[in-house]
């Protein structure tokens, strides 16, 4: 049953990134309960991947260069990718 619920999460995009574009930080907002075993990472256009602390919902990106990034939400074997723009 949990897999079915998370599949619904992936299919309906129950998470959102605000603000987008971000300058100092961004917040992940979930309309439902946060999926179990959630891992959050961010990847730049060069393919460099950075793990983020999944215990929080606000992430500091002040140390990242301006550009387009991809935020990955991973829970068990499910993956959701969202685009994030960081501007200065």
Protein backbone atom coordinates (compact mmCIF):
# COMPACT_ATOMS: atom_id res chain seq x y z
CA UNK A 1 0.00 0.00 0.00
CA UNK A 2 2.84 2.43 0.78
CA UNK A 3 4.30 1.97 -2.72
CA UNK A 4 0.95 2.82 -4.27
CA UNK A 5 0.69 5.99 -2.17
CA UNK A 6 4.17 7.11 -3.16
CA UNK A 7 3.45 6.34 -6.80
CA UNK A 8 0.53 8.74 -6.45
CA UNK A 9 3.00 11.29 -5.03
CA UNK A 10 5.22 10.91 -8.08
CA UNK A 11 2.38 11.00 -10.60
CA UNK A 12 0.59 14.04 -9.21
CA UNK A 13 3.57 16.16 -8.11
CA UNK A 14 2.44 16.67 -4.53
CA UNK A 15 5.67 18.53 -3.77
CA UNK A 16 6.58 22.05 -4.83
CA UNK A 17 9.66 24.27 -4.66
CA UNK A 18 9.34 27.87 -3.48
CA UNK A 19 10.68 30.34 -4.33
CA UNK A 20 11.74 29.33 -7.80
CA UNK A 21 14.00 30.98 -8.87
CA UNK A 22 15.78 30.90 -5.52
CA UNK A 23 18.56 33.20 -4.35
CA UNK A 24 19.52 32.18 -0.79
CA UNK A 25 17.32 29.18 0.02
CA UNK A 26 14.34 27.19 -1.19
CA UNK A 27 11.60 25.27 0.58
CA UNK A 28 10.09 21.93 -0.35
CA UNK A 29 6.39 21.90 0.47
CA UNK A 30 4.43 18.66 0.54
CA UNK A 31 0.64 18.57 0.24
CA UNK A 32 0.60 15.11 1.83
CA UNK A 33 2.77 13.35 4.40
CA UNK A 34 6.48 13.28 3.54
CA UNK A 35 7.27 9.88 1.98
CA UNK A 36 9.21 7.44 4.19
CA UNK A 37 12.98 7.17 3.72
CA UNK A 38 13.05 10.38 1.70
CA UNK A 39 16.44 11.44 0.33
CA UNK A 40 16.91 14.84 -1.26
CA UNK A 41 19.74 15.75 -3.60
CA UNK A 42 20.50 18.52 -6.07
CA UNK A 43 22.36 18.10 -9.37
CA UNK A 44 23.90 20.86 -11.48
CA UNK A 45 24.15 20.89 -15.28
CA UNK A 46 27.64 19.34 -15.07
CA UNK A 47 26.19 16.27 -13.35
CA UNK A 48 27.68 17.05 -9.94
CA UNK A 49 25.31 15.76 -7.28
CA UNK A 50 25.02 17.06 -3.71
CA UNK A 51 23.11 15.34 -0.93
CA UNK A 52 20.85 17.62 1.12
CA UNK A 53 19.63 17.05 4.67
CA UNK A 54 16.23 15.40 4.22
CA UNK A 55 15.28 16.10 7.85
CA UNK A 56 14.50 19.71 6.98
CA UNK A 57 12.24 21.33 4.40
CA UNK A 58 14.29 24.52 3.80
CA UNK A 59 17.61 24.24 2.00
CA UNK A 60 20.45 26.77 1.83
CA UNK A 61 21.71 27.31 -1.73
CA UNK A 62 23.71 30.49 -1.07
CA UNK A 63 26.93 28.59 -1.82
CA UNK A 64 25.74 27.38 -5.23
CA UNK A 65 26.51 29.23 -8.46
CA UNK A 66 23.64 30.75 -10.42
CA UNK A 67 22.12 28.36 -12.93
CA UNK A 68 19.67 25.53 -13.51
CA UNK A 69 19.65 22.59 -11.08
CA UNK A 70 17.57 19.46 -10.66
CA UNK A 71 16.20 18.53 -7.23
CA UNK A 72 15.71 14.78 -6.81
CA UNK A 73 13.33 13.32 -4.27
CA UNK A 74 14.08 9.64 -3.74
CA UNK A 75 12.03 7.27 -1.57
CA UNK A 76 12.68 3.53 -1.80
CA UNK A 77 13.03 2.95 -5.55
CA UNK A 78 10.82 5.89 -6.59
CA UNK A 79 12.24 9.11 -8.03
CA UNK A 80 10.77 12.58 -8.60
CA UNK A 81 12.83 15.30 -10.31
CA UNK A 82 11.99 18.99 -10.26
CA UNK A 83 13.81 21.91 -11.90
CA UNK A 84 15.22 24.66 -9.69
CA UNK A 85 16.72 27.93 -10.92
CA UNK A 86 19.25 29.71 -8.69
CA UNK A 87 19.75 33.38 -9.51
CA UNK A 88 22.00 36.07 -8.06
